[in-house]
PDB file of all heavy atoms in Angstrom:
ATOM      1  N   LEU A   1     172.918  79.200 126.590  1.00  0.00           N
ATOM      2  CA  LEU A   1     172.075  78.849 127.736  1.00  0.00           C
ATOM      3  C   LEU A   1     170.774  79.637 127.723  1.00  0.00           C
ATOM      4  O   LEU A   1     169.682  79.062 127.888  1.00  0.00           O
ATOM      5  CB  LEU A   1     172.853  79.121 129.026  1.00  0.00           C
ATOM      6  CG  LEU A   1     172.110  78.830 130.335  1.00  0.00           C
ATOM      7  CD1 LEU A   1     171.737  77.363 130.423  1.00  0.00           C
ATOM      8  CD2 LEU A   1     172.955  79.239 131.539  1.00  0.00           C
ATOM      9  N   LEU A   2     170.870  80.950 127.516  1.00  0.00           N
ATOM     10  CA  LEU A   2     169.662  81.770 127.507  1.00  0.00           C
ATOM     11  C   LEU A   2     168.773  81.438 126.317  1.00  0.00           C
ATOM     12  O   LEU A   2     167.539  81.426 126.440  1.00  0.00           O
ATOM     13  CB  LEU A   2     170.044  83.255 127.482  1.00  0.00           C
ATOM     14  CG  LEU A   2     170.715  83.800 128.740  1.00  0.00           C
ATOM     15  CD1 LEU A   2     171.029  85.284 128.575  1.00  0.00           C
ATOM     16  CD2 LEU A   2     169.833  83.594 129.959  1.00  0.00           C
ATOM     17  N   THR A   3     169.379  81.157 125.167  1.00  0.00           N
ATOM     18  CA  THR A   3     168.581  80.789 123.993  1.00  0.00           C
ATOM     19  C   THR A   3     167.851  79.474 124.234  1.00  0.00           C
ATOM     20  O   THR A   3     166.668  79.325 123.891  1.00  0.00           O
ATOM     21  CB  THR A   3     169.483  80.673 122.755  1.00  0.00           C
ATOM     22  OG1 THR A   3     170.135  81.917 122.523  1.00  0.00           O
ATOM     23  CG2 THR A   3     168.661  80.300 121.528  1.00  0.00           C
ATOM     24  N   GLY A   4     168.560  78.500 124.833  1.00  0.00           N
ATOM     25  CA  GLY A   4     167.925  77.223 125.126  1.00  0.00           C
ATOM     26  C   GLY A   4     166.780  77.355 126.110  1.00  0.00           C
ATOM     27  O   GLY A   4     165.690  76.773 125.914  1.00  0.00           O
ATOM     28  N   LEU A   5     166.991  78.142 127.176  1.00  0.00           N
ATOM     29  CA  LEU A   5     165.929  78.335 128.163  1.00  0.00           C
ATOM     30  C   LEU A   5     164.747  79.086 127.551  1.00  0.00           C
ATOM     31  O   LEU A   5     163.581  78.767 127.831  1.00  0.00           O
ATOM     32  CB  LEU A   5     166.472  79.089 129.374  1.00  0.00           C
ATOM     33  CG  LEU A   5     167.481  78.333 130.249  1.00  0.00           C
ATOM     34  CD1 LEU A   5     168.021  79.238 131.350  1.00  0.00           C
ATOM     35  CD2 LEU A   5     166.834  77.096 130.856  1.00  0.00           C
ATOM     36  N   GLY A   6     165.053  80.086 126.728  1.00  0.00           N
ATOM     37  CA  GLY A   6     163.972  80.821 126.073  1.00  0.00           C
ATOM     38  C   GLY A   6     163.184  79.941 125.124  1.00  0.00           C
ATOM     39  O   GLY A   6     161.952  79.995 125.078  1.00  0.00           O
ATOM     40  N   GLY A   7     163.899  79.117 124.340  1.00  0.00           N
ATOM     41  CA  GLY A   7     163.208  78.205 123.427  1.00  0.00           C
ATOM     42  C   GLY A   7     162.365  77.183 124.161  1.00  0.00           C
ATOM     43  O   GLY A   7     161.234  76.862 123.747  1.00  0.00           O
ATOM     44  N   LEU A   8     162.883  76.660 125.282  1.00  0.00           N
ATOM     45  CA  LEU A   8     162.110  75.700 126.076  1.00  0.00           C
ATOM     46  C   LEU A   8     160.861  76.358 126.652  1.00  0.00           C
ATOM     47  O   LEU A   8     159.772  75.754 126.652  1.00  0.00           O
ATOM     48  CB  LEU A   8     162.988  75.150 127.198  1.00  0.00           C
ATOM     49  CG  LEU A   8     162.322  74.138 128.145  1.00  0.00           C
ATOM     50  CD1 LEU A   8     161.853  72.905 127.372  1.00  0.00           C
ATOM     51  CD2 LEU A   8     163.287  73.747 129.259  1.00  0.00           C
ATOM     52  N   GLY A   9     161.015  77.584 127.146  1.00  0.00           N
ATOM     53  CA  GLY A   9     159.852  78.288 127.691  1.00  0.00           C
ATOM     54  C   GLY A   9     158.789  78.525 126.635  1.00  0.00           C
ATOM     55  O   GLY A   9     157.582  78.356 126.894  1.00  0.00           O
ATOM     56  N   MET A  10     159.213  78.907 125.419  1.00  0.00           N
ATOM     57  CA  MET A  10     158.239  79.140 124.359  1.00  0.00           C
ATOM     58  C   MET A  10     157.570  77.836 123.927  1.00  0.00           C
ATOM     59  O   MET A  10     156.373  77.804 123.626  1.00  0.00           O
ATOM     60  CB  MET A  10     158.921  79.805 123.164  1.00  0.00           C
ATOM     61  CG  MET A  10     157.937  80.299 122.111  1.00  0.00           C
ATOM     62  SD  MET A  10     158.749  81.251 120.806  1.00  0.00           S
ATOM     63  CE  MET A  10     159.790  79.992 120.085  1.00  0.00           C
ATOM     64  N   LEU A  11     158.341  76.734 123.909  1.00  0.00           N
ATOM     65  CA  LEU A  11     157.763  75.438 123.554  1.00  0.00           C
ATOM     66  C   LEU A  11     156.708  75.022 124.567  1.00  0.00           C
ATOM     67  O   LEU A  11     155.618  74.551 124.191  1.00  0.00           O
ATOM     68  CB  LEU A  11     158.871  74.387 123.467  1.00  0.00           C
ATOM     69  CG  LEU A  11     158.418  72.949 123.170  1.00  0.00           C
ATOM     70  CD1 LEU A  11     157.738  72.887 121.800  1.00  0.00           C
ATOM     71  CD2 LEU A  11     159.602  71.993 123.231  1.00  0.00           C
ATOM     72  N   LEU A  12     157.007  75.199 125.852  1.00  0.00           N
ATOM     73  CA  LEU A  12     156.037  74.850 126.887  1.00  0.00           C
ATOM     74  C   LEU A  12     154.783  75.713 126.770  1.00  0.00           C
ATOM     75  O   LEU A  12     153.654  75.220 126.963  1.00  0.00           O
ATOM     76  CB  LEU A  12     156.668  75.018 128.269  1.00  0.00           C
ATOM     77  CG  LEU A  12     157.788  74.032 128.626  1.00  0.00           C
ATOM     78  CD1 LEU A  12     158.401  74.384 129.974  1.00  0.00           C
ATOM     79  CD2 LEU A  12     157.245  72.606 128.647  1.00  0.00           C
ATOM     80  N   ALA A  13     154.980  77.003 126.467  1.00  0.00           N
ATOM     81  CA  ALA A  13     153.823  77.889 126.295  1.00  0.00           C
ATOM     82  C   ALA A  13     152.970  77.459 125.104  1.00  0.00           C
ATOM     83  O   ALA A  13     151.732  77.432 125.180  1.00  0.00           O
ATOM     84  CB  ALA A  13     154.302  79.327 126.120  1.00  0.00           C
ATOM     85  N   ALA A  14     153.620  77.082 123.991  1.00  0.00           N
ATOM     86  CA  ALA A  14     152.876  76.652 122.806  1.00  0.00           C
ATOM     87  C   ALA A  14     152.118  75.363 123.067  1.00  0.00           C
ATOM     88  O   ALA A  14     150.945  75.205 122.661  1.00  0.00           O
ATOM     89  CB  ALA A  14     153.839  76.476 121.631  1.00  0.00           C
ATOM     90  N   VAL A  15     152.770  74.423 123.759  1.00  0.00           N
ATOM     91  CA  VAL A  15     152.091  73.169 124.094  1.00  0.00           C
ATOM     92  C   VAL A  15     150.902  73.437 125.015  1.00  0.00           C
ATOM     93  O   VAL A  15     149.831  72.834 124.882  1.00  0.00           O
ATOM     94  CB  VAL A  15     153.078  72.177 124.748  1.00  0.00           C
ATOM     95  CG1 VAL A  15     152.339  70.965 125.304  1.00  0.00           C
ATOM     96  CG2 VAL A  15     154.121  71.739 123.734  1.00  0.00           C
ATOM     97  N   GLY A  16     151.083  74.370 125.961  1.00  0.00           N
ATOM     98  CA  GLY A  16     149.984  74.714 126.861  1.00  0.00           C
ATOM     99  C   GLY A  16     148.808  75.325 126.112  1.00  0.00           C
ATOM    100  O   GLY A  16     147.646  74.979 126.369  1.00  0.00           O
ATOM    101  N   ILE A  17     149.104  76.238 125.185  1.00  0.00           N
ATOM    102  CA  ILE A  17     148.031  76.846 124.393  1.00  0.00           C
ATOM    103  C   ILE A  17     147.309  75.791 123.574  1.00  0.00           C
ATOM    104  O   ILE A  17     146.068  75.766 123.499  1.00  0.00           O
ATOM    105  CB  ILE A  17     148.602  77.947 123.475  1.00  0.00           C
ATOM    106  CG1 ILE A  17     149.138  79.105 124.318  1.00  0.00           C
ATOM    107  CG2 ILE A  17     147.538  78.443 122.500  1.00  0.00           C
ATOM    108  CD1 ILE A  17     149.863  80.154 123.501  1.00  0.00           C
ATOM    109  N   TYR A  18     148.072  74.904 122.962  1.00  0.00           N
ATOM    110  CA  TYR A  18     147.469  73.850 122.147  1.00  0.00           C
ATOM    111  C   TYR A  18     146.565  72.952 123.001  1.00  0.00           C
ATOM    112  O   TYR A  18     145.447  72.606 122.599  1.00  0.00           O
ATOM    113  CB  TYR A  18     148.554  73.014 121.485  1.00  0.00           C
ATOM    114  CG  TYR A  18     148.026  71.802 120.747  1.00  0.00           C
ATOM    115  CD1 TYR A  18     147.442  71.936 119.488  1.00  0.00           C
ATOM    116  CD2 TYR A  18     148.094  70.541 121.318  1.00  0.00           C
ATOM    117  CE1 TYR A  18     146.933  70.835 118.817  1.00  0.00           C
ATOM    118  CE2 TYR A  18     147.602  69.434 120.650  1.00  0.00           C
ATOM    119  CZ  TYR A  18     147.020  69.585 119.408  1.00  0.00           C
ATOM    120  OH  TYR A  18     146.525  68.492 118.745  1.00  0.00           O
ATOM    121  N   GLY A  19     147.049  72.571 124.186  1.00  0.00           N
ATOM    122  CA  GLY A  19     146.246  71.702 125.042  1.00  0.00           C
ATOM    123  C   GLY A  19     144.963  72.366 125.499  1.00  0.00           C
ATOM    124  O   GLY A  19     143.882  71.745 125.485  1.00  0.00           O
ATOM    125  N   VAL A  20     145.063  73.623 125.920  1.00  0.00           N
ATOM    126  CA  VAL A  20     143.878  74.342 126.393  1.00  0.00           C
ATOM    127  C   VAL A  20     142.867  74.522 125.267  1.00  0.00           C
ATOM    128  O   VAL A  20     141.656  74.296 125.450  1.00  0.00           O
ATOM    129  CB  VAL A  20     144.277  75.702 126.995  1.00  0.00           C
ATOM    130  CG1 VAL A  20     143.050  76.557 127.271  1.00  0.00           C
ATOM    131  CG2 VAL A  20     145.069  75.505 128.275  1.00  0.00           C
ATOM    132  N   MET A  21     143.349  74.909 124.079  1.00  0.00           N
ATOM    133  CA  MET A  21     142.428  75.138 122.966  1.00  0.00           C
ATOM    134  C   MET A  21     141.844  73.837 122.447  1.00  0.00           C
ATOM    135  O   MET A  21     140.680  73.793 122.008  1.00  0.00           O
ATOM    136  CB  MET A  21     143.149  75.888 121.842  1.00  0.00           C
ATOM    137  CG  MET A  21     143.592  77.288 122.233  1.00  0.00           C
ATOM    138  SD  MET A  21     142.320  78.256 123.060  1.00  0.00           S
ATOM    139  CE  MET A  21     141.038  78.290 121.803  1.00  0.00           C
ATOM    140  N   SER A  22     142.614  72.754 122.487  1.00  0.00           N
ATOM    141  CA  SER A  22     142.055  71.458 122.082  1.00  0.00           C
ATOM    142  C   SER A  22     140.929  71.057 123.018  1.00  0.00           C
ATOM    143  O   SER A  22     139.869  70.569 122.575  1.00  0.00           O
ATOM    144  CB  SER A  22     143.151  70.388 122.092  1.00  0.00           C
ATOM    145  OG  SER A  22     144.116  70.650 121.106  1.00  0.00           O
ATOM    146  N   SER A  23     141.123  71.257 124.330  1.00  0.00           N
ATOM    147  CA  SER A  23     140.060  70.947 125.292  1.00  0.00           C
ATOM    148  C   SER A  23     138.849  71.844 125.083  1.00  0.00           C
ATOM    149  O   SER A  23     137.702  71.398 125.157  1.00  0.00           O
ATOM    150  CB  SER A  23     140.609  71.111 126.716  1.00  0.00           C
ATOM    151  OG  SER A  23     139.606  70.909 127.672  1.00  0.00           O
ATOM    152  N   PHE A  24     139.127  73.123 124.774  1.00  0.00           N
ATOM    153  CA  PHE A  24     138.042  74.074 124.530  1.00  0.00           C
ATOM    154  C   PHE A  24     137.210  73.657 123.315  1.00  0.00           C
ATOM    155  O   PHE A  24     135.965  73.646 123.356  1.00  0.00           O
ATOM    156  CB  PHE A  24     138.634  75.465 124.332  1.00  0.00           C
ATOM    157  CG  PHE A  24     137.673  76.487 123.806  1.00  0.00           C
ATOM    158  CD1 PHE A  24     136.745  77.077 124.641  1.00  0.00           C
ATOM    159  CD2 PHE A  24     137.700  76.858 122.468  1.00  0.00           C
ATOM    160  CE1 PHE A  24     135.843  78.017 124.151  1.00  0.00           C
ATOM    161  CE2 PHE A  24     136.816  77.803 121.971  1.00  0.00           C
ATOM    162  CZ  PHE A  24     135.885  78.387 122.822  1.00  0.00           C
ATOM    163  N   VAL A  25     137.877  73.305 122.233  1.00  0.00           N
ATOM    164  CA  VAL A  25     137.173  72.900 121.008  1.00  0.00           C
ATOM    165  C   VAL A  25     136.405  71.609 121.243  1.00  0.00           C
ATOM    166  O   VAL A  25     135.256  71.460 120.802  1.00  0.00           O
ATOM    167  CB  VAL A  25     138.173  72.747 119.847  1.00  0.00           C
ATOM    168  CG1 VAL A  25     137.497  72.107 118.632  1.00  0.00           C
ATOM    169  CG2 VAL A  25     138.769  74.101 119.466  1.00  0.00           C
ATOM    170  N   GLU A  26     137.012  70.651 121.959  1.00  0.00           N
ATOM    171  CA  GLU A  26     136.361  69.375 122.215  1.00  0.00           C
ATOM    172  C   GLU A  26     135.057  69.564 122.989  1.00  0.00           C
ATOM    173  O   GLU A  26     134.041  68.925 122.694  1.00  0.00           O
ATOM    174  CB  GLU A  26     137.315  68.463 123.002  1.00  0.00           C
ATOM    175  CG  GLU A  26     136.784  67.067 123.248  1.00  0.00           C
ATOM    176  CD  GLU A  26     136.665  66.256 121.979  1.00  0.00           C
ATOM    177  OE1 GLU A  26     137.371  66.566 120.998  1.00  0.00           O
ATOM    178  OE2 GLU A  26     135.841  65.307 121.963  1.00  0.00           O
ATOM    179  N   ARG A  27     135.073  70.450 123.979  1.00  0.00           N
ATOM    180  CA  ARG A  27     133.876  70.669 124.789  1.00  0.00           C
ATOM    181  C   ARG A  27     132.807  71.440 124.036  1.00  0.00           C
ATOM    182  O   ARG A  27     131.621  71.345 124.371  1.00  0.00           O
ATOM    183  CB  ARG A  27     134.250  71.410 126.073  1.00  0.00           C
ATOM    184  CG  ARG A  27     134.999  70.545 127.082  1.00  0.00           C
ATOM    185  CD  ARG A  27     135.250  71.264 128.403  1.00  0.00           C
ATOM    186  NE  ARG A  27     136.237  72.328 128.299  1.00  0.00           N
ATOM    187  CZ  ARG A  27     135.939  73.623 128.288  1.00  0.00           C
ATOM    188  NH1 ARG A  27     134.671  74.002 128.365  1.00  0.00           N
ATOM    189  NH2 ARG A  27     136.885  74.540 128.183  1.00  0.00           N
ATOM    190  N   ARG A  28     133.213  72.209 123.031  1.00  0.00           N
ATOM    191  CA  ARG A  28     132.239  73.048 122.341  1.00  0.00           C
ATOM    192  C   ARG A  28     131.896  72.528 120.950  1.00  0.00           C
ATOM    193  O   ARG A  28     131.285  73.252 120.153  1.00  0.00           O
ATOM    194  CB  ARG A  28     132.785  74.471 122.236  1.00  0.00           C
ATOM    195  CG  ARG A  28     132.967  75.135 123.601  1.00  0.00           C
ATOM    196  CD  ARG A  28     133.263  76.599 123.467  1.00  0.00           C
ATOM    197  NE  ARG A  28     132.204  77.310 122.751  1.00  0.00           N
ATOM    198  CZ  ARG A  28     132.257  78.602 122.438  1.00  0.00           C
ATOM    199  NH1 ARG A  28     133.337  79.300 122.758  1.00  0.00           N
ATOM    200  NH2 ARG A  28     131.276  79.197 121.792  1.00  0.00           N
ATOM    201  N   ILE A  29     132.250  71.288 120.662  1.00  0.00           N
ATOM    202  CA  ILE A  29     131.905  70.709 119.364  1.00  0.00           C
ATOM    203  C   ILE A  29     130.390  70.728 119.118  1.00  0.00           C
ATOM    204  O   ILE A  29     129.946  71.127 118.017  1.00  0.00           O
ATOM    205  CB  ILE A  29     132.457  69.272 119.248  1.00  0.00           C
ATOM    206  CG1 ILE A  29     133.973  69.312 118.971  1.00  0.00           C
ATOM    207  CG2 ILE A  29     131.756  68.488 118.142  1.00  0.00           C
ATOM    208  CD1 ILE A  29     134.328  69.836 117.600  1.00  0.00           C
ATOM    209  N   PRO A  30     129.567  70.317 120.089  1.00  0.00           N
ATOM    210  CA  PRO A  30     128.110  70.391 119.834  1.00  0.00           C
ATOM    211  C   PRO A  30     127.639  71.810 119.538  1.00  0.00           C
ATOM    212  O   PRO A  30     126.818  72.027 118.642  1.00  0.00           O
ATOM    213  CB  PRO A  30     127.509  69.858 121.130  1.00  0.00           C
ATOM    214  CG  PRO A  30     128.559  68.971 121.692  1.00  0.00           C
ATOM    215  CD  PRO A  30     129.854  69.637 121.367  1.00  0.00           C
ATOM    216  N   GLU A  31     128.148  72.780 120.304  1.00  0.00           N
ATOM    217  CA  GLU A  31     127.743  74.166 120.069  1.00  0.00           C
ATOM    218  C   GLU A  31     128.147  74.623 118.672  1.00  0.00           C
ATOM    219  O   GLU A  31     127.373  75.300 117.972  1.00  0.00           O
ATOM    220  CB  GLU A  31     128.375  75.061 121.127  1.00  0.00           C
ATOM    221  CG  GLU A  31     128.132  76.547 120.889  1.00  0.00           C
ATOM    222  CD  GLU A  31     129.027  77.430 121.746  1.00  0.00           C
ATOM    223  OE1 GLU A  31     129.483  76.985 122.804  1.00  0.00           O
ATOM    224  OE2 GLU A  31     129.259  78.582 121.318  1.00  0.00           O
ATOM    225  N   MET A  32     129.372  74.246 118.289  1.00  0.00           N
ATOM    226  CA  MET A  32     129.837  74.644 116.953  1.00  0.00           C
ATOM    227  C   MET A  32     129.012  73.963 115.874  1.00  0.00           C
ATOM    228  O   MET A  32     128.761  74.541 114.802  1.00  0.00           O
ATOM    229  CB  MET A  32     131.319  74.294 116.806  1.00  0.00           C
ATOM    230  CG  MET A  32     132.232  75.092 117.717  1.00  0.00           C
ATOM    231  SD  MET A  32     133.969  74.582 117.579  1.00  0.00           S
ATOM    232  CE  MET A  32     134.729  75.641 118.800  1.00  0.00           C
ATOM    233  N   GLY A  33     128.601  72.724 116.136  1.00  0.00           N
ATOM    234  CA  GLY A  33     127.737  72.033 115.174  1.00  0.00           C
ATOM    235  C   GLY A  33     126.425  72.758 114.985  1.00  0.00           C
ATOM    236  O   GLY A  33     125.916  72.883 113.855  1.00  0.00           O
ATOM    237  N   VAL A  34     125.844  73.253 116.080  1.00  0.00           N
ATOM    238  CA  VAL A  34     124.598  74.008 115.985  1.00  0.00           C
ATOM    239  C   VAL A  34     124.805  75.285 115.184  1.00  0.00           C
ATOM    240  O   VAL A  34     123.998  75.633 114.312  1.00  0.00           O
ATOM    241  CB  VAL A  34     124.071  74.339 117.403  1.00  0.00           C
ATOM    242  CG1 VAL A  34     122.882  75.297 117.324  1.00  0.00           C
ATOM    243  CG2 VAL A  34     123.672  73.074 118.131  1.00  0.00           C
ATOM    244  N   ARG A  35     125.881  75.981 115.450  1.00  0.00           N
ATOM    245  CA  ARG A  35     126.152  77.230 114.740  1.00  0.00           C
ATOM    246  C   ARG A  35     126.353  76.975 113.251  1.00  0.00           C
ATOM    247  O   ARG A  35     125.853  77.740 112.403  1.00  0.00           O
ATOM    248  CB  ARG A  35     127.396  77.897 115.328  1.00  0.00           C
ATOM    249  CG  ARG A  35     127.211  78.383 116.757  1.00  0.00           C
ATOM    250  CD  ARG A  35     128.488  78.943 117.330  1.00  0.00           C
ATOM    251  NE  ARG A  35     128.956  80.115 116.575  1.00  0.00           N
ATOM    252  CZ  ARG A  35     130.100  80.738 116.815  1.00  0.00           C
ATOM    253  NH1 ARG A  35     130.904  80.286 117.768  1.00  0.00           N
ATOM    254  NH2 ARG A  35     130.453  81.774 116.093  1.00  0.00           N
ATOM    255  N   LEU A  36     127.069  75.903 112.922  1.00  0.00           N
ATOM    256  CA  LEU A  36     127.265  75.577 111.506  1.00  0.00           C
ATOM    257  C   LEU A  36     125.950  75.179 110.848  1.00  0.00           C
ATOM    258  O   LEU A  36     125.691  75.518 109.681  1.00  0.00           O
ATOM    259  CB  LEU A  36     128.299  74.456 111.370  1.00  0.00           C
ATOM    260  CG  LEU A  36     129.747  74.813 111.740  1.00  0.00           C
ATOM    261  CD1 LEU A  36     130.620  73.571 111.754  1.00  0.00           C
ATOM    262  CD2 LEU A  36     130.320  75.843 110.761  1.00  0.00           C
TER     263      LEU A  36
END
């Protein structure tokens, strides 16, 4: 039970990080293009 809850919590955290960073990269694509 604890392993399952811990794994679910880590999965939700990873999905959250991925979503936030994807939104961050999407909004800053023009800026990154300028830097490149």
